[in-house]
Amino acid sequence: MKNKILIGTLLVAFVLAVTGCEEKGPAEKAGEKIDNVASDIKDNTKDALDKADDTVEDAGDKIENKTD
């Protein structure tokens, strides 16, 4: 009898846990938005740094060509 009660209790707990995980709460949604914004900032920063690096490299090449 104890095994049936234990199995029933575990089954109910499992179903509740699985059901609770399906819907995203406001904190999880906000966290995802923050993650997306952080990822966008990272990508934009990398692009800007790559562009700045190219500009500096081009300027260095021009200076080198003028001094040759």
C-alpha atoms as a PDB file:
ATOM      1  CA  MET A   1       0.000   0.000   0.000  1.00  0.00           C
ATOM      2  CA  LYS A   2       2.834   2.396   0.843  1.00  0.00           C
ATOM      3  CA  ASN A   3       4.392   1.775  -2.569  1.00  0.00           C
ATOM      4  CA  LYS A   4       1.171   2.746  -4.358  1.00  0.00           C
ATOM      5  CA  ILE A   5       0.904   5.969  -2.377  1.00  0.00           C
ATOM      6  CA  LEU A   6       4.573   6.758  -2.994  1.00  0.00           C
ATOM      7  CA  ILE A   7       4.271   6.042  -6.718  1.00  0.00           C
ATOM      8  CA  GLY A   8       1.092   8.132  -6.926  1.00  0.00           C
ATOM      9  CA  THR A   9       2.710  11.020  -5.092  1.00  0.00           C
ATOM     10  CA  LEU A  10       5.802  10.893  -7.292  1.00  0.00           C
ATOM     11  CA  LEU A  11       3.654  10.719 -10.416  1.00  0.00           C
ATOM     12  CA  VAL A  12       1.650  13.784  -9.374  1.00  0.00           C
ATOM     13  CA  ALA A  13       4.848  15.664  -8.498  1.00  0.00           C
ATOM     14  CA  PHE A  14       6.358  14.755 -11.868  1.00  0.00           C
ATOM     15  CA  VAL A  15       3.269  15.875 -13.784  1.00  0.00           C
ATOM     16  CA  LEU A  16       3.183  19.177 -11.890  1.00  0.00           C
ATOM     17  CA  ALA A  17       6.886  19.746 -12.498  1.00  0.00           C
ATOM     18  CA  VAL A  18       6.590  19.055 -16.221  1.00  0.00           C
ATOM     19  CA  THR A  19       3.497  21.226 -16.550  1.00  0.00           C
ATOM     20  CA  GLY A  20       5.165  24.061 -14.664  1.00  0.00           C
ATOM     21  CA  CYS A  21       8.168  23.988 -16.975  1.00  0.00           C
ATOM     22  CA  GLU A  22       6.106  24.463 -20.123  1.00  0.00           C
ATOM     23  CA  GLU A  23       5.056  28.055 -19.497  1.00  0.00           C
ATOM     24  CA  LYS A  24       7.634  30.783 -19.212  1.00  0.00           C
ATOM     25  CA  GLY A  25       7.163  33.236 -16.419  1.00  0.00           C
ATOM     26  CA  PRO A  26       7.829  36.967 -16.627  1.00  0.00           C
ATOM     27  CA  ALA A  27      11.278  36.605 -15.073  1.00  0.00           C
ATOM     28  CA  GLU A  28      12.313  33.994 -17.631  1.00  0.00           C
ATOM     29  CA  LYS A  29      10.964  36.110 -20.492  1.00  0.00           C
ATOM     30  CA  ALA A  30      12.825  39.149 -19.166  1.00  0.00           C
ATOM     31  CA  GLY A  31      15.980  37.066 -18.817  1.00  0.00           C
ATOM     32  CA  GLU A  32      15.726  35.954 -22.429  1.00  0.00           C
ATOM     33  CA  LYS A  33      15.288  39.562 -23.566  1.00  0.00           C
ATOM     34  CA  ILE A  34      18.341  40.587 -21.553  1.00  0.00           C
ATOM     35  CA  ASP A  35      20.328  37.725 -23.091  1.00  0.00           C
ATOM     36  CA  ASN A  36      19.257  38.778 -26.587  1.00  0.00           C
ATOM     37  CA  VAL A  37      20.182  42.420 -25.973  1.00  0.00           C
ATOM     38  CA  ALA A  38      23.552  41.407 -24.528  1.00  0.00           C
ATOM     39  CA  SER A  39      24.209  39.202 -27.544  1.00  0.00           C
ATOM     40  CA  ASP A  40      23.268  42.031 -29.920  1.00  0.00           C
ATOM     41  CA  ILE A  41      25.559  44.441 -28.067  1.00  0.00           C
ATOM     42  CA  LYS A  42      28.395  41.917 -28.257  1.00  0.00           C
ATOM     43  CA  ASP A  43      27.889  41.421 -31.992  1.00  0.00           C
ATOM     44  CA  ASN A  44      27.639  45.160 -32.698  1.00  0.00           C
ATOM     45  CA  THR A  45      30.720  45.876 -30.597  1.00  0.00           C
ATOM     46  CA  LYS A  46      32.689  43.210 -32.450  1.00  0.00           C
ATOM     47  CA  ASP A  47      31.604  44.658 -35.794  1.00  0.00           C
ATOM     48  CA  ALA A  48      32.569  48.179 -34.710  1.00  0.00           C
ATOM     49  CA  LEU A  49      35.962  47.019 -33.444  1.00  0.00           C
ATOM     50  CA  ASP A  50      36.602  45.104 -36.664  1.00  0.00           C
ATOM     51  CA  LYS A  51      35.744  48.216 -38.680  1.00  0.00           C
ATOM     52  CA  ALA A  52      37.986  50.387 -36.493  1.00  0.00           C
ATOM     53  CA  ASP A  53      40.793  47.853 -36.849  1.00  0.00           C
ATOM     54  CA  ASP A  54      40.443  47.942 -40.631  1.00  0.00           C
ATOM     55  CA  THR A  55      40.474  51.754 -40.608  1.00  0.00           C
ATOM     56  CA  VAL A  56      43.610  51.883 -38.463  1.00  0.00           C
ATOM     57  CA  GLU A  57      45.290  49.278 -40.646  1.00  0.00           C
ATOM     58  CA  ASP A  58      44.419  51.252 -43.801  1.00  0.00           C
ATOM     59  CA  ALA A  59      45.787  54.435 -42.226  1.00  0.00           C
ATOM     60  CA  GLY A  60      48.987  52.619 -41.288  1.00  0.00           C
ATOM     61  CA  ASP A  61      49.340  51.323 -44.838  1.00  0.00           C
ATOM     62  CA  LYS A  62      48.890  54.846 -46.242  1.00  0.00           C
ATOM     63  CA  ILE A  63      51.527  56.235 -43.890  1.00  0.00           C
ATOM     64  CA  GLU A  64      53.890  53.413 -44.781  1.00  0.00           C
ATOM     65  CA  ASN A  65      53.379  54.035 -48.503  1.00  0.00           C
ATOM     66  CA  LYS A  66      54.054  57.773 -48.089  1.00  0.00           C
ATOM     67  CA  THR A  67      57.306  57.140 -46.234  1.00  0.00           C
ATOM     68  CA  ASP A  68      58.635  54.614 -48.763  1.00  0.00           C
END
